[in-house]
Amino acid sequence: MTLLYNHSLKPFNTLAVDVRAESFCTVTSVDELKNALKQTTSNELLVLGGGSNIVLTSDVAGLVIHNCIGGVEVLEQGPQQVVIKVGAGENWDGLVETCVQQGWYGLENLSWIPGSVGAAPIQNIGAYGVELKDCLEAVETLRLKDLSPQQFSCKECRFGYRDSVFKQEEKGRHVITAVVLRLNKTPTLKLDYGEIRNSADEWGYDVDQLTAADVRHIIIRIRTEKLPDPALAPNVGSFFKNPVVPVAVFQTIKMAEPSVVAYELPNGQVKLAAGWLIDRLGWKGKRLGQARVHDRQALVLVNEGQSSADLLTLAAKIQQQVLDRFGVELEIEPSII
């Protein structure tokens, strides 16, 4: 483990914001993580994984740790299920690919989500009708106050929509070191959310004969056709959460906008498609300074400068217009640092 000073964080965030860390190191094991934390004298700490869900706004004081703790370990295996432990520094989509190839199912709908495994529980990543909580057994952490190992069960993580205990009362108190997942050996495909069935039909798949590998390929194709590559157009994917509103609010919007895109939830509320709301206001493709709304997906904001200032100004203008027009508050999905 090497400690670096005044180190650029541009390669470590997908918005390519060029700010600097007062000190920086990469860790590849829990022991290295402990050593790094023991050596720092600062109370300021930022842990980075893939950097795909953060917006850096200025130079970072204290220590920045790049969490690269790896490894995929089988803990239990039976005829129907397998339980695996995955290091927090593993690439998320690489894990999904490995699981599909091994015949371990449940993650295929979460294909092509950028970032690392350790970031996944923080916001309970989800896509196409599946969330991480559906297959998560536990999250392992290192508690910062005493560097002791801790484990949170799925229930203790208190998962919600893009939310968890790690964004609430335990925020800033732990570094996630691994996740434990329970996966199936028989695929139970979830095809009814978004465009999966329609895209499968359009691209010549037999929907009745789809495999988990097919679902993964379809979702990757959908996502790559709609979402820009961060290496070419710096972004964090969806910049806003899909707002969840009471039925009465949805009905009011639908009376004025019959084509509004929404999904009914089991709790009697309705999830609105934030991208549709933004697109309806004509933001797709619009530019403000060195930031712009992607021309194919209104949920994606692209950063073309060295800072995030224009990006956040653009986001604020979009939020205000959505509130003025629809009476709905859009919440920013990535963490603002």
Protein backbone atom coordinates (compact mmCIF):
# COMPACT_ATOMS: atom_id res chain seq x y z
CA MET A 1 0.00 0.00 0.00
CA THR A 2 1.45 3.34 -1.11
CA LEU A 3 0.19 6.66 0.19
CA LEU A 4 0.08 9.40 -2.47
CA TYR A 5 -0.37 13.12 -1.88
CA ASN A 6 -2.21 15.83 -3.83
CA HIS A 7 -3.43 13.06 -6.11
CA SER A 8 -5.84 13.67 -9.00
CA LEU A 9 -9.21 11.90 -8.71
CA LYS A 10 -10.13 12.41 -12.35
CA PRO A 11 -9.48 8.73 -13.26
CA PHE A 12 -11.54 7.57 -10.29
CA ASN A 13 -14.93 9.18 -11.05
CA THR A 14 -17.00 8.64 -14.18
CA LEU A 15 -17.86 12.34 -14.47
CA ALA A 16 -14.10 12.97 -14.96
CA VAL A 17 -14.16 15.83 -12.48
CA ASP A 18 -10.55 16.90 -11.97
CA VAL A 19 -10.24 17.51 -8.24
CA ARG A 20 -7.40 16.38 -5.99
CA ALA A 21 -7.18 14.27 -2.86
CA GLU A 22 -5.03 15.51 0.00
CA SER A 23 -3.87 11.90 0.38
CA PHE A 24 -4.81 8.76 -1.54
CA CYS A 25 -4.19 5.02 -1.45
CA THR A 26 -5.50 1.80 -2.98
CA VAL A 27 -6.31 -1.21 -0.78
CA THR A 28 -6.74 -4.79 -1.98
CA SER A 29 -7.47 -6.56 1.31
CA VAL A 30 -9.15 -5.95 4.64
CA ASP A 31 -5.74 -5.90 6.33
CA GLU A 32 -4.51 -3.18 3.97
CA LEU A 33 -7.71 -1.24 4.65
CA LYS A 34 -7.08 -1.48 8.41
CA ASN A 35 -3.48 -0.35 7.99
CA ALA A 36 -4.52 2.64 5.87
CA LEU A 37 -7.08 3.70 8.45
CA LYS A 38 -4.59 3.28 11.30
CA GLN A 39 -2.02 5.45 9.55
CA THR A 40 -4.27 8.41 8.85
CA THR A 41 -4.46 11.22 11.37
CA SER A 42 -7.33 12.99 9.61
CA ASN A 43 -11.01 12.67 10.47
CA GLU A 44 -11.84 13.23 6.81
CA LEU A 45 -12.32 10.02 4.81
CA LEU A 46 -13.78 9.22 1.39
CA VAL A 47 -13.98 5.66 0.11
CA LEU A 48 -14.23 5.22 -3.67
CA GLY A 49 -15.22 2.15 -5.63
CA GLY A 50 -15.98 2.55 -9.32
CA GLY A 51 -16.74 6.26 -8.88
CA SER A 52 -19.94 5.90 -10.91
CA ASN A 53 -22.36 7.25 -8.32
CA ILE A 54 -20.64 10.36 -6.99
CA VAL A 55 -20.39 14.02 -7.96
CA LEU A 56 -17.16 15.57 -6.73
CA THR A 57 -17.43 19.33 -6.23
CA SER A 58 -14.02 20.37 -4.86
CA ASP A 59 -10.65 19.08 -3.71
CA VAL A 60 -11.04 16.39 -1.03
CA ALA A 61 -9.45 16.92 2.36
CA GLY A 62 -8.07 14.01 4.34
CA LEU A 63 -7.68 10.48 3.01
CA VAL A 64 -9.28 8.97 -0.09
CA ILE A 65 -9.23 5.16 -0.21
CA HIS A 66 -9.78 3.33 -3.48
CA ASN A 67 -11.43 0.06 -2.38
CA CYS A 68 -10.17 -2.77 -4.60
CA ILE A 69 -10.80 -5.68 -2.24
CA GLY A 70 -11.47 -8.63 -4.57
CA GLY A 71 -12.49 -12.26 -4.55
CA VAL A 72 -15.52 -14.48 -5.18
CA GLU A 73 -15.89 -17.32 -2.68
CA VAL A 74 -18.55 -20.05 -2.57
CA LEU A 75 -19.79 -20.34 1.03
CA GLU A 76 -22.62 -22.84 0.53
CA GLN A 77 -23.81 -24.90 -2.41
CA GLY A 78 -26.85 -27.12 -2.71
CA PRO A 79 -28.99 -28.52 -5.51
CA GLN A 80 -31.19 -25.41 -5.71
CA GLN A 81 -29.10 -22.49 -4.48
CA VAL A 82 -25.58 -21.19 -3.97
CA VAL A 83 -24.32 -18.63 -1.46
CA ILE A 84 -21.30 -16.57 -2.48
CA LYS A 85 -19.17 -13.93 -0.79
CA VAL A 86 -17.87 -11.19 -3.09
CA GLY A 87 -15.18 -8.62 -2.32
CA ALA A 88 -16.31 -5.01 -2.37
CA GLY A 89 -13.79 -4.05 -5.03
CA GLU A 90 -15.03 -6.50 -7.66
CA ASN A 91 -16.58 -4.95 -10.76
CA TRP A 92 -20.37 -5.32 -10.53
CA ASP A 93 -21.07 -6.26 -14.14
CA GLY A 94 -18.11 -8.62 -14.16
CA LEU A 95 -19.76 -10.39 -11.21
CA VAL A 96 -23.08 -10.63 -13.07
CA GLU A 97 -21.34 -12.12 -16.09
CA THR A 98 -19.51 -14.66 -13.91
CA CYS A 99 -22.72 -15.70 -12.17
CA VAL A 100 -24.64 -16.22 -15.42
CA GLN A 101 -21.76 -18.28 -16.81
CA GLN A 102 -21.66 -20.41 -13.65
CA GLY A 103 -25.41 -21.05 -13.75
CA TRP A 104 -26.08 -18.87 -10.69
CA TYR A 105 -29.19 -16.83 -11.37
CA GLY A 106 -30.91 -13.76 -9.96
CA LEU A 107 -28.60 -10.93 -10.99
CA GLU A 108 -29.08 -11.01 -14.78
CA ASN A 109 -31.56 -8.10 -14.80
CA LEU A 110 -28.90 -6.01 -13.07
CA SER A 111 -26.52 -6.35 -16.02
CA TRP A 112 -24.40 -3.45 -17.25
CA ILE A 113 -24.79 -1.34 -14.12
CA PRO A 114 -21.45 0.45 -13.66
CA GLY A 115 -19.52 0.50 -10.43
CA SER A 116 -18.20 -1.88 -7.82
CA VAL A 117 -19.86 -4.53 -5.69
CA GLY A 118 -19.29 -2.57 -2.48
CA ALA A 119 -21.36 0.36 -3.72
CA ALA A 120 -24.34 -1.85 -4.63
CA PRO A 121 -25.88 -2.15 -1.13
CA ILE A 122 -25.49 1.53 -0.31
CA GLN A 123 -28.26 2.51 -2.69
CA ASN A 124 -29.83 -0.93 -3.20
CA ILE A 125 -29.13 -0.90 -6.93
CA GLY A 126 -32.02 -1.95 -9.13
CA ALA A 127 -33.09 -2.27 -12.74
CA TYR A 128 -35.79 -3.97 -14.82
CA GLY A 129 -37.89 -5.12 -11.87
CA VAL A 130 -35.04 -6.51 -9.72
CA GLU A 131 -33.23 -4.95 -6.76
CA LEU A 132 -30.11 -6.08 -4.93
CA LYS A 133 -32.15 -6.84 -1.80
CA ASP A 134 -33.90 -9.66 -3.69
CA CYS A 135 -30.77 -11.82 -3.47
CA LEU A 136 -28.65 -10.27 -0.73
CA GLU A 137 -27.95 -12.27 2.44
CA ALA A 138 -25.56 -9.95 4.26
CA VAL A 139 -23.14 -7.04 3.99
CA GLU A 140 -19.75 -7.23 5.69
CA THR A 141 -18.10 -4.02 6.86
CA LEU A 142 -15.25 -2.58 8.85
CA ARG A 143 -16.60 -0.24 11.53
CA LEU A 144 -14.54 2.93 11.53
CA LYS A 145 -14.67 3.81 15.20
CA ASP A 146 -12.85 0.66 16.31
CA LEU A 147 -11.88 -1.10 13.03
CA SER A 148 -13.93 -4.15 14.04
CA PRO A 149 -15.60 -6.42 11.46
CA GLN A 150 -19.40 -6.15 11.35
CA GLN A 151 -22.15 -7.94 9.45
CA PHE A 152 -25.55 -6.57 8.49
CA SER A 153 -28.31 -9.00 7.49
CA CYS A 154 -30.58 -8.09 4.61
CA LYS A 155 -33.22 -6.98 7.12
CA GLU A 156 -30.71 -4.90 9.07
CA CYS A 157 -29.73 -3.10 5.86
CA ARG A 158 -33.26 -1.62 5.80
CA PHE A 159 -33.35 -1.44 2.05
CA GLY A 160 -35.72 0.92 0.28
CA TYR A 161 -35.91 2.39 -3.19
CA ARG A 162 -32.29 3.50 -3.83
CA ASP A 163 -31.84 3.59 -0.08
CA SER A 164 -30.32 1.66 2.81
CA VAL A 165 -29.09 2.04 6.36
CA PHE A 166 -25.71 3.02 4.84
CA LYS A 167 -27.27 6.20 3.47
CA GLN A 168 -29.10 6.89 6.72
CA GLU A 169 -28.06 6.33 10.34
CA GLU A 170 -24.95 4.28 9.49
CA LYS A 171 -23.72 6.71 6.86
CA GLY A 172 -20.01 7.38 7.21
CA ARG A 173 -19.58 4.82 9.99
CA HIS A 174 -18.48 1.79 7.96
CA VAL A 175 -16.44 0.70 4.97
CA ILE A 176 -18.10 -2.14 3.09
CA THR A 177 -15.64 -4.98 2.54
CA ALA A 178 -17.85 -7.73 1.02
CA VAL A 179 -21.40 -8.75 0.21
CA VAL A 180 -22.96 -12.19 0.60
CA LEU A 181 -25.49 -13.22 -2.07
CA ARG A 182 -27.91 -16.16 -2.30
CA LEU A 183 -28.53 -17.13 -5.94
CA ASN A 184 -30.65 -19.76 -7.64
CA LYS A 185 -29.47 -22.63 -9.82
CA THR A 186 -32.75 -22.60 -11.74
CA PRO A 187 -33.49 -19.32 -13.52
CA THR A 188 -36.74 -17.53 -12.72
CA LEU A 189 -36.79 -14.89 -15.41
CA LYS A 190 -38.37 -11.50 -14.79
CA LEU A 191 -39.41 -10.08 -18.13
CA ASP A 192 -42.35 -7.78 -17.45
CA TYR A 193 -40.58 -4.56 -16.50
CA GLY A 194 -39.58 -1.98 -19.07
CA GLU A 195 -38.78 -3.03 -22.59
CA ILE A 196 -37.48 -6.57 -22.11
CA ARG A 197 -40.30 -8.47 -23.85
CA ASN A 198 -40.79 -5.94 -26.62
CA SER A 199 -37.07 -5.74 -27.31
CA ALA A 200 -36.77 -9.53 -27.32
CA ASP A 201 -39.55 -9.75 -29.91
CA GLU A 202 -38.08 -6.96 -32.00
CA TRP A 203 -34.62 -8.55 -32.03
CA GLY A 204 -35.82 -12.00 -33.01
CA TYR A 205 -35.73 -13.88 -29.69
CA ASP A 206 -38.31 -16.53 -28.85
CA VAL A 207 -39.64 -15.05 -25.61
CA ASP A 208 -40.89 -18.45 -24.41
CA GLN A 209 -37.39 -19.91 -24.76
CA LEU A 210 -35.32 -17.11 -23.25
CA THR A 211 -32.38 -18.02 -21.04
CA ALA A 212 -30.76 -15.93 -18.33
CA ALA A 213 -27.87 -15.30 -20.74
CA ASP A 214 -30.38 -14.04 -23.32
CA VAL A 215 -31.91 -11.67 -20.76
CA ARG A 216 -28.46 -10.36 -19.91
CA HIS A 217 -27.64 -9.78 -23.59
CA ILE A 218 -30.98 -8.03 -24.19
CA ILE A 219 -30.55 -5.72 -21.20
CA ILE A 220 -26.98 -4.88 -22.19
CA ARG A 221 -28.18 -4.00 -25.68
CA ILE A 222 -31.05 -1.86 -24.34
CA ARG A 223 -28.73 -0.02 -21.98
CA THR A 224 -25.94 0.54 -24.49
CA GLU A 225 -28.39 1.92 -27.06
CA LYS A 226 -29.80 4.41 -24.53
CA LEU A 227 -26.88 5.22 -22.22
CA PRO A 228 -23.58 6.79 -23.26
CA ASP A 229 -20.22 5.26 -22.43
CA PRO A 230 -18.73 7.30 -19.53
CA ALA A 231 -15.30 7.02 -21.19
CA LEU A 232 -16.66 8.99 -24.15
CA ALA A 233 -19.33 11.12 -22.46
CA PRO A 234 -18.65 11.44 -18.71
CA ASN A 235 -21.79 10.62 -16.73
CA VAL A 236 -23.12 8.71 -13.74
CA GLY A 237 -26.02 7.01 -15.48
CA SER A 238 -29.40 8.08 -14.10
CA PHE A 239 -28.87 11.44 -12.41
CA PHE A 240 -32.30 11.49 -10.76
CA LYS A 241 -34.35 8.89 -8.93
CA ASN A 242 -37.75 7.95 -10.32
CA PRO A 243 -40.09 9.81 -7.93
CA VAL A 244 -42.59 7.76 -5.93
CA VAL A 245 -45.88 9.59 -5.37
CA PRO A 246 -49.35 8.90 -3.94
CA VAL A 247 -52.00 7.68 -6.35
CA ALA A 248 -53.84 11.00 -6.07
CA VAL A 249 -50.80 12.92 -7.29
CA PHE A 250 -50.37 10.50 -10.19
CA GLN A 251 -54.04 10.84 -11.16
CA THR A 252 -53.76 14.62 -11.20
CA ILE A 253 -50.74 14.43 -13.49
CA LYS A 254 -52.43 11.85 -15.73
CA MET A 255 -55.47 14.07 -16.22
CA ALA A 256 -53.20 16.74 -17.70
CA GLU A 257 -50.73 14.33 -19.31
CA PRO A 258 -52.47 11.08 -20.34
CA SER A 259 -49.25 9.61 -21.78
CA VAL A 260 -47.27 9.90 -18.53
CA VAL A 261 -45.12 6.81 -17.93
CA ALA A 262 -45.58 5.26 -14.48
CA TYR A 263 -45.51 1.95 -12.60
CA GLU A 264 -47.91 0.94 -9.84
CA LEU A 265 -46.21 -0.26 -6.66
CA PRO A 266 -47.51 -2.88 -4.21
CA ASN A 267 -47.83 -0.30 -1.42
CA GLY A 268 -50.47 1.67 -3.28
CA GLN A 269 -48.09 4.34 -4.52
CA VAL A 270 -46.93 5.04 -8.07
CA LYS A 271 -43.39 5.34 -9.42
CA LEU A 272 -43.14 7.99 -12.12
CA ALA A 273 -40.55 7.78 -14.90
CA ALA A 274 -38.30 10.76 -14.18
CA GLY A 275 -36.87 10.57 -17.69
CA TRP A 276 -40.35 11.05 -19.17
CA LEU A 277 -41.02 14.10 -16.97
CA ILE A 278 -37.73 15.70 -18.01
CA ASP A 279 -38.20 14.83 -21.68
CA ARG A 280 -41.75 16.23 -21.63
CA LEU A 281 -40.30 19.59 -20.62
CA GLY A 282 -38.03 19.55 -23.67
CA TRP A 283 -34.71 19.11 -21.89
CA LYS A 284 -33.36 16.23 -23.96
CA GLY A 285 -30.21 17.39 -25.76
CA LYS A 286 -30.18 20.83 -24.09
CA ARG A 287 -26.88 22.33 -22.93
CA LEU A 288 -25.86 24.65 -20.10
CA GLY A 289 -22.23 25.71 -20.16
CA GLN A 290 -20.11 22.55 -20.03
CA ALA A 291 -22.99 20.24 -19.14
CA ARG A 292 -25.79 18.79 -21.21
CA VAL A 293 -28.76 16.45 -21.12
CA HIS A 294 -28.09 13.38 -23.21
CA ASP A 295 -29.94 13.43 -26.53
CA ARG A 296 -31.27 9.85 -26.18
CA GLN A 297 -31.92 9.55 -22.45
CA ALA A 298 -33.14 12.57 -20.50
CA LEU A 299 -32.15 11.00 -17.17
CA VAL A 300 -28.47 11.18 -18.10
CA LEU A 301 -26.52 14.40 -17.60
CA VAL A 302 -23.16 14.58 -19.38
CA ASN A 303 -20.23 16.53 -17.98
CA GLU A 304 -17.90 18.10 -20.55
CA GLY A 305 -15.77 20.22 -18.22
CA GLN A 306 -13.18 19.69 -15.51
CA SER A 307 -15.57 20.63 -12.68
CA SER A 308 -19.14 19.69 -11.79
CA ALA A 309 -20.44 23.26 -11.33
CA ASP A 310 -22.38 23.52 -14.60
CA LEU A 311 -23.72 19.99 -14.14
CA LEU A 312 -25.23 20.83 -10.76
CA THR A 313 -26.65 24.12 -12.06
CA LEU A 314 -28.29 22.22 -14.91
CA ALA A 315 -29.68 19.64 -12.48
CA ALA A 316 -31.16 22.37 -10.28
CA LYS A 317 -32.92 24.01 -13.24
CA ILE A 318 -34.43 20.67 -14.25
CA GLN A 319 -35.60 20.00 -10.70
CA GLN A 320 -37.27 23.39 -10.47
CA GLN A 321 -39.09 23.03 -13.79
CA VAL A 322 -40.35 19.53 -12.93
CA LEU A 323 -41.62 20.86 -9.60
CA ASP A 324 -43.29 23.87 -11.24
CA ARG A 325 -44.95 21.84 -14.00
CA PHE A 326 -45.86 18.56 -12.28
CA GLY A 327 -45.67 19.32 -8.56
CA VAL A 328 -43.09 16.55 -8.16
CA GLU A 329 -39.70 16.84 -6.49
CA LEU A 330 -36.85 15.08 -8.27
CA GLU A 331 -34.13 13.71 -5.99
CA ILE A 332 -30.55 13.49 -7.24
CA GLU A 333 -29.41 9.86 -7.24
CA PRO A 334 -25.59 10.10 -6.95
CA SER A 335 -23.92 11.33 -3.77
CA ILE A 336 -22.74 14.93 -3.87
CA ILE A 337 -19.27 15.12 -2.30
